[in-house]
Every structure is written in structure tokens, then in C-alpha cells.
Amino acid sequence: MSIHSNNFYSNTLRRSVTVQVILPEPVNPAGEVEAQYRSGRQLLPVIWLLHGLGGDATTWIRQTAIETLATQYRVAVVMPQTERGFYNDVPEGPKYWTFMTEELPERMRFIFPLSADRSQNFVVGNSMGGYGALRWALSMPDQFAAVAALSPVTDLSRFRIDQAAIMPDFDGVFDKQHLLDSPVSLDYLLDRLSTEHTDLRVLMTTGSEDMLREMDWTFKPRLAAKFGEQFMWHELPGRHDWPLWNQQLPMVMHWLMRGSFKAI
């Protein structure tokens, strides 16, 4: 396993950016280097892993066992950084959405052996990153096999009011006049998702004392109605914090890569 701190100039953001990338060791079960990797023909499955409000490209590595789990499941992990921008094209500010959905995948696949096949791509995030993961998957369902949102922000209008203390800069990130009738809204995206894309697997997790649990519980029936058996809900005792997400992560990874939950 190797961790790469990749720095490049983003033409979208018009500044240098840092992206953390985990690559699993190119070995087979016998511990031998695989010939496909030597020849450069083997492309890796990849998880696009998004940080929450106040996080950065290193947060998942510092706070969780993602390094160990990436090695266990032999999957690459790409961790970009969008500051407090909610993965949105900020009005009169950085175009984080365009950077994440267009420039980032193209650049990462140019540098690293990452698969572009839908069946080999997964997007995951927590809190603000959970919103970003759901928005990305619902906007571009032909790009991902599955999405996992850990304690996600699912209602921007409600978050703007309920969590004003932790995000006083909300109105600088979004046009508050169009939180419900534009692609920034998860409800808007669900309403417009075609039935041919309801094979997308969707997981939403929360904690019993999570500050966003009520919001996510309200959104849960909408996902269940749209995706049916492809939708999974999982709840553990805990708050909106890293001890909860680190506990959930092994189950999330097993669900992503094996299609089911694994007891811990």
C-alpha cells in the first residue's frame, strides 16, 4: 500500500490543489507482484472519498482506518479537498463542483491506474461530504456502482437554519433562492432520476444521537421509494463524529465491495 500526496495546478480552481491517493499493493494472495501491474494493464477499482465541513484531503487518513481497509479490499481511494465549499460551484467563487466532477477524475486517471468503468467506481462521504457524494451519484448515476453517505446533509434549507452557528458562511456558498428548484437539491435530483438508473446502490448511515439524524430519517423514505431493494439504511449508537464514522467504515467498505453488510 502507498499513500500519494498529489499536487497539481487546477485549471478550474485556478490554483494549486492537493489530493491524497491511497493505492493498494499490487500483489496476489501468494504475496507475489502481479504481472498485470508490471505491464501497466491492470486498472484499480476506486473510491472517491469526500471530507466534511472543516475537513481537508488528509482527514479520512488521520481519523479512520481507511488505509488498512483500502489494502484489505485492494481498492484505490482518492480524497480531494474543497474547503467549506459543499462541493458546489460557489457563486462568485471557486467552482468546486466542476473541479470534482470533471477535472479531478480526468487528472487522477491520467496519473494513476484508476478504472473509469462504472462497476469499479464508488463515491463516499461524511456530513458535507455525504451531501457531495449523494449529489454526485444522483447527478451522474452512470458513473458509479454505489454511493455511501455517512450522516449526510440531505436538506440544505433546513441545514441553513438549524446549523447556522457552524456554517455562518452558508449564503456565500449557495444561492439561497434556489435551494429547492435546482440541481443543488437532492430532492430535485431524485425527482429527475430516470428509472434506468435506479440500479444504483445507495447506503445512508447515521448515529442514534446524530445531529442530522432527523433530517436523514425524513429523507430516507424518498430514497427507499426510488431505489427499492438497492437502498440500505444503517444506524448505530453514536453522535455526529469520527468515532461513529470510524466504527461504520468497515461495514460500509464491505457493503461497497461485497454488496452486503459484515458484522463487527
Protein backbone atom coordinates (compact mmCIF):
# COMPACT_ATOMS: atom_id res chain seq x y z
CA MET A 1 0.00 0.00 0.00
CA SER A 2 1.21 3.51 -0.75
CA ILE A 3 -0.12 6.98 0.02
CA HIS A 4 0.46 9.74 -2.50
CA SER A 5 0.12 13.45 -1.78
CA ASN A 6 -0.52 14.70 -5.29
CA ASN A 7 -0.15 18.39 -6.05
CA PHE A 8 -1.17 19.94 -9.32
CA TYR A 9 -2.45 23.18 -10.74
CA SER A 10 -6.21 23.11 -11.21
CA ASN A 11 -7.33 24.92 -14.33
CA THR A 12 -10.85 25.02 -12.87
CA LEU A 13 -9.95 26.49 -9.49
CA ARG A 14 -7.01 28.44 -10.92
CA ARG A 15 -4.69 27.48 -8.10
CA SER A 16 -2.63 24.57 -6.85
CA VAL A 17 -4.55 21.78 -5.13
CA THR A 18 -3.64 18.74 -3.05
CA VAL A 19 -5.31 15.36 -3.45
CA GLN A 20 -4.47 12.37 -1.26
CA VAL A 21 -4.49 8.99 -3.01
CA ILE A 22 -4.18 5.53 -1.49
CA LEU A 23 -3.05 2.72 -3.79
CA PRO A 24 -3.15 -0.92 -2.67
CA GLU A 25 -0.12 -3.14 -3.04
CA PRO A 26 -0.01 -4.89 -6.43
CA VAL A 27 0.26 -8.40 -5.02
CA ASN A 28 -1.76 -11.58 -5.38
CA PRO A 29 -2.82 -13.79 -2.42
CA ALA A 30 0.56 -15.54 -2.56
CA GLY A 31 2.31 -12.23 -1.95
CA GLU A 32 3.76 -12.01 -5.45
CA VAL A 33 3.70 -8.90 -7.60
CA GLU A 34 1.06 -9.37 -10.26
CA ALA A 35 2.17 -9.36 -13.88
CA GLN A 36 -0.70 -7.08 -14.87
CA TYR A 37 0.71 -4.32 -12.69
CA ARG A 38 4.18 -4.74 -14.14
CA SER A 39 2.78 -4.27 -17.61
CA GLY A 40 0.54 -1.38 -16.59
CA ARG A 41 -2.60 -3.11 -17.89
CA GLN A 42 -4.37 -3.52 -14.55
CA LEU A 43 -6.76 -0.71 -13.59
CA LEU A 44 -7.87 -0.41 -9.99
CA PRO A 45 -11.37 -0.01 -8.61
CA VAL A 46 -11.62 3.38 -6.92
CA ILE A 47 -13.48 5.07 -4.08
CA TRP A 48 -13.88 8.83 -4.34
CA LEU A 49 -13.89 9.79 -0.66
CA LEU A 50 -15.18 13.24 0.31
CA HIS A 51 -14.47 15.11 3.53
CA GLY A 52 -16.91 17.00 5.72
CA LEU A 53 -17.19 20.63 6.77
CA GLY A 54 -13.93 21.76 8.31
CA GLY A 55 -12.02 18.77 6.92
CA ASP A 56 -9.37 18.50 4.24
CA ALA A 57 -7.78 15.94 1.93
CA THR A 58 -5.98 14.25 4.85
CA THR A 59 -8.87 13.95 7.31
CA TRP A 60 -10.00 10.42 6.41
CA ILE A 61 -6.43 9.13 6.66
CA ARG A 62 -5.87 10.79 10.04
CA GLN A 63 -9.22 9.91 11.61
CA THR A 64 -10.09 6.44 10.31
CA ALA A 65 -8.78 3.03 9.28
CA ILE A 66 -9.26 3.77 5.57
CA GLU A 67 -5.62 2.92 4.80
CA THR A 68 -5.98 -0.58 6.25
CA LEU A 69 -9.37 -1.12 4.62
CA ALA A 70 -8.15 0.03 1.20
CA THR A 71 -5.41 -2.58 1.42
CA GLN A 72 -7.83 -5.27 2.61
CA TYR A 73 -10.21 -4.71 -0.30
CA ARG A 74 -7.48 -3.76 -2.77
CA VAL A 75 -9.17 -0.57 -3.87
CA ALA A 76 -7.70 2.84 -4.65
CA VAL A 77 -9.02 5.80 -2.65
CA VAL A 78 -9.00 9.38 -3.93
CA MET A 79 -9.51 12.15 -1.36
CA PRO A 80 -9.91 15.67 -2.81
CA GLN A 81 -10.29 18.91 -0.89
CA THR A 82 -12.93 21.61 -1.33
CA GLU A 83 -12.59 23.52 1.93
CA ARG A 84 -16.06 24.66 3.15
CA GLY A 85 -17.49 24.82 -0.36
CA PHE A 86 -20.02 21.97 -0.07
CA TYR A 87 -18.78 20.59 -3.39
CA ASN A 88 -20.66 23.40 -5.11
CA ASP A 89 -19.79 25.90 -7.81
CA VAL A 90 -19.76 28.83 -5.41
CA PRO A 91 -21.45 31.97 -6.77
CA GLU A 92 -18.67 34.43 -7.48
CA GLY A 93 -16.20 31.92 -6.04
CA PRO A 94 -14.40 28.62 -6.64
CA LYS A 95 -16.07 26.12 -8.98
CA TYR A 96 -15.71 23.12 -6.68
CA TRP A 97 -18.44 21.07 -8.38
CA THR A 98 -16.86 21.43 -11.79
CA PHE A 99 -13.44 20.64 -10.34
CA MET A 100 -14.64 17.50 -8.57
CA THR A 101 -16.87 16.04 -11.27
CA GLU A 102 -14.90 16.96 -14.39
CA GLU A 103 -11.26 17.89 -13.83
CA LEU A 104 -10.45 15.64 -10.86
CA PRO A 105 -11.41 12.25 -12.39
CA GLU A 106 -9.68 13.08 -15.65
CA ARG A 107 -6.47 14.18 -13.93
CA MET A 108 -6.40 11.29 -11.45
CA ARG A 109 -6.91 8.72 -14.20
CA PHE A 110 -4.12 10.29 -16.20
CA ILE A 111 -1.70 9.98 -13.26
CA PHE A 112 -2.85 6.77 -11.55
CA PRO A 113 -4.11 3.37 -12.84
CA LEU A 114 -7.76 4.02 -11.96
CA SER A 115 -10.66 2.35 -13.70
CA ALA A 116 -13.31 4.50 -15.39
CA ASP A 117 -15.73 1.57 -15.54
CA ARG A 118 -18.97 2.27 -13.71
CA SER A 119 -18.87 -1.08 -11.91
CA GLN A 120 -15.47 -0.17 -10.45
CA ASN A 121 -16.31 3.33 -9.18
CA PHE A 122 -17.83 4.24 -5.82
CA VAL A 123 -18.37 7.57 -4.05
CA VAL A 124 -18.45 8.01 -0.26
CA GLY A 125 -18.57 10.98 2.08
CA ASN A 126 -19.49 12.09 5.59
CA SER A 127 -21.66 15.05 6.61
CA MET A 128 -20.96 17.75 4.00
CA GLY A 129 -19.11 15.06 2.06
CA GLY A 130 -22.16 12.81 2.35
CA TYR A 131 -24.16 15.50 0.62
CA GLY A 132 -21.45 15.79 -2.03
CA ALA A 133 -21.41 12.02 -2.55
CA LEU A 134 -25.20 11.80 -2.97
CA ARG A 135 -25.31 14.81 -5.26
CA TRP A 136 -22.52 13.41 -7.44
CA ALA A 137 -24.08 9.96 -7.70
CA LEU A 138 -27.61 11.24 -8.31
CA SER A 139 -26.39 13.76 -10.89
CA MET A 140 -24.19 11.26 -12.72
CA PRO A 141 -25.54 7.79 -11.88
CA ASP A 142 -23.95 6.29 -14.97
CA GLN A 143 -20.52 6.85 -13.38
CA PHE A 144 -20.96 4.92 -10.12
CA ALA A 145 -21.97 1.45 -8.98
CA ALA A 146 -22.74 2.63 -5.45
CA VAL A 147 -22.80 5.62 -3.13
CA ALA A 148 -22.47 5.63 0.65
CA ALA A 149 -23.41 8.73 2.63
CA LEU A 150 -22.45 8.80 6.30
CA SER A 151 -24.59 11.26 8.31
CA PRO A 152 -25.15 13.36 5.19
CA VAL A 153 -26.68 16.80 4.86
CA THR A 154 -29.82 15.95 2.88
CA ASP A 155 -31.85 19.16 3.25
CA LEU A 156 -29.93 22.35 2.52
CA SER A 157 -32.75 24.69 3.52
CA ARG A 158 -33.09 23.03 6.90
CA PHE A 159 -29.33 22.83 7.40
CA ARG A 160 -29.02 26.55 6.64
CA ILE A 161 -31.35 27.34 9.55
CA ASP A 162 -30.60 24.57 12.04
CA GLN A 163 -26.80 24.70 11.71
CA ALA A 164 -26.29 28.42 11.18
CA ALA A 165 -23.87 28.50 14.10
CA ILE A 166 -21.44 26.07 12.48
CA MET A 167 -21.80 27.48 8.96
CA PRO A 168 -22.39 31.23 9.04
CA ASP A 169 -20.86 31.34 5.55
CA PHE A 170 -23.67 29.24 4.01
CA ASP A 171 -25.16 32.05 1.92
CA GLY A 172 -21.77 32.68 0.35
CA VAL A 173 -21.65 29.08 -0.89
CA PHE A 174 -25.21 28.70 -2.19
CA ASP A 175 -27.79 30.93 -3.81
CA LYS A 176 -30.42 30.67 -1.08
CA GLN A 177 -33.17 31.50 -3.57
CA HIS A 178 -32.61 28.22 -5.42
CA LEU A 179 -32.02 25.62 -2.74
CA LEU A 180 -35.14 23.67 -3.75
CA ASP A 181 -35.51 24.17 -7.51
CA SER A 182 -32.04 23.49 -8.83
CA PRO A 183 -29.53 20.61 -9.04
CA VAL A 184 -28.06 21.53 -5.64
CA SER A 185 -31.18 19.94 -4.11
CA LEU A 186 -31.15 16.18 -3.57
CA ASP A 187 -34.94 16.12 -3.83
CA TYR A 188 -34.71 17.88 -7.18
CA LEU A 189 -32.22 15.29 -8.44
CA LEU A 190 -34.30 12.36 -7.19
CA ASP A 191 -37.39 13.68 -8.96
CA ARG A 192 -35.48 13.77 -12.23
CA LEU A 193 -33.61 10.48 -11.92
CA SER A 194 -34.62 8.14 -14.71
CA THR A 195 -35.77 4.62 -13.87
CA GLU A 196 -32.90 3.14 -15.85
CA HIS A 197 -30.52 4.43 -13.19
CA THR A 198 -32.35 3.07 -10.15
CA ASP A 199 -29.93 0.14 -10.17
CA LEU A 200 -27.52 2.46 -8.36
CA ARG A 201 -26.85 1.03 -4.89
CA VAL A 202 -27.38 3.63 -2.14
CA LEU A 203 -26.43 3.44 1.52
CA MET A 204 -27.18 6.06 4.16
CA THR A 205 -25.92 5.74 7.72
CA THR A 206 -26.50 7.73 10.87
CA GLY A 207 -26.00 7.70 14.62
CA SER A 208 -28.76 7.43 17.20
CA GLU A 209 -27.76 10.84 18.59
CA ASP A 210 -26.53 12.30 15.32
CA MET A 211 -27.41 15.98 14.92
CA LEU A 212 -28.53 15.24 11.32
CA ARG A 213 -30.43 12.02 12.12
CA GLU A 214 -33.90 13.59 11.96
CA MET A 215 -33.09 15.20 8.61
CA ASP A 216 -31.82 11.91 7.20
CA TRP A 217 -34.72 9.92 8.66
CA THR A 218 -37.09 12.28 6.83
CA PHE A 219 -35.19 11.80 3.57
CA LYS A 220 -34.96 8.02 3.97
CA PRO A 221 -38.43 7.19 2.51
CA ARG A 222 -37.62 9.12 -0.64
CA LEU A 223 -34.52 7.02 -1.27
CA ALA A 224 -36.36 3.82 -0.40
CA ALA A 225 -39.18 4.66 -2.81
CA LYS A 226 -36.79 5.46 -5.64
CA PHE A 227 -34.25 2.65 -5.24
CA GLY A 228 -36.22 -0.11 -3.53
CA GLU A 229 -34.02 -3.03 -2.51
CA GLN A 230 -30.98 -1.17 -3.81
CA PHE A 231 -31.29 1.23 -0.86
CA MET A 232 -29.88 0.41 2.57
CA TRP A 233 -30.21 2.30 5.85
CA HIS A 234 -27.91 1.64 8.79
CA GLU A 235 -27.88 3.16 12.25
CA LEU A 236 -25.52 2.70 15.19
CA PRO A 237 -25.40 4.31 18.63
CA GLY A 238 -23.36 7.47 18.39
CA ARG A 239 -23.07 11.14 17.57
CA HIS A 240 -22.08 13.14 14.51
CA ASP A 241 -18.37 12.48 14.97
CA TRP A 242 -15.36 10.42 13.90
CA PRO A 243 -15.77 7.64 16.49
CA LEU A 244 -19.13 6.87 14.84
CA TRP A 245 -17.87 7.07 11.25
CA ASN A 246 -14.75 5.03 12.01
CA GLN A 247 -16.96 2.34 13.53
CA GLN A 248 -19.26 2.36 10.49
CA LEU A 249 -16.47 2.40 7.90
CA PRO A 250 -15.62 -1.36 7.89
CA MET A 251 -19.29 -2.20 7.25
CA VAL A 252 -19.52 0.49 4.58
CA MET A 253 -16.44 -0.85 2.80
CA HIS A 254 -17.74 -4.42 2.88
CA TRP A 255 -21.10 -3.25 1.52
CA LEU A 256 -19.40 -1.31 -1.28
CA MET A 257 -17.06 -4.08 -2.37
CA ARG A 258 -19.09 -7.18 -1.47
CA GLY A 259 -22.68 -5.95 -1.69
CA SER A 260 -23.69 -6.77 1.86
CA PHE A 261 -23.08 -5.79 5.48
CA LYS A 262 -20.46 -7.50 7.60
CA ALA A 263 -20.91 -7.88 11.32
CA ILE A 264 -18.37 -6.20 13.58
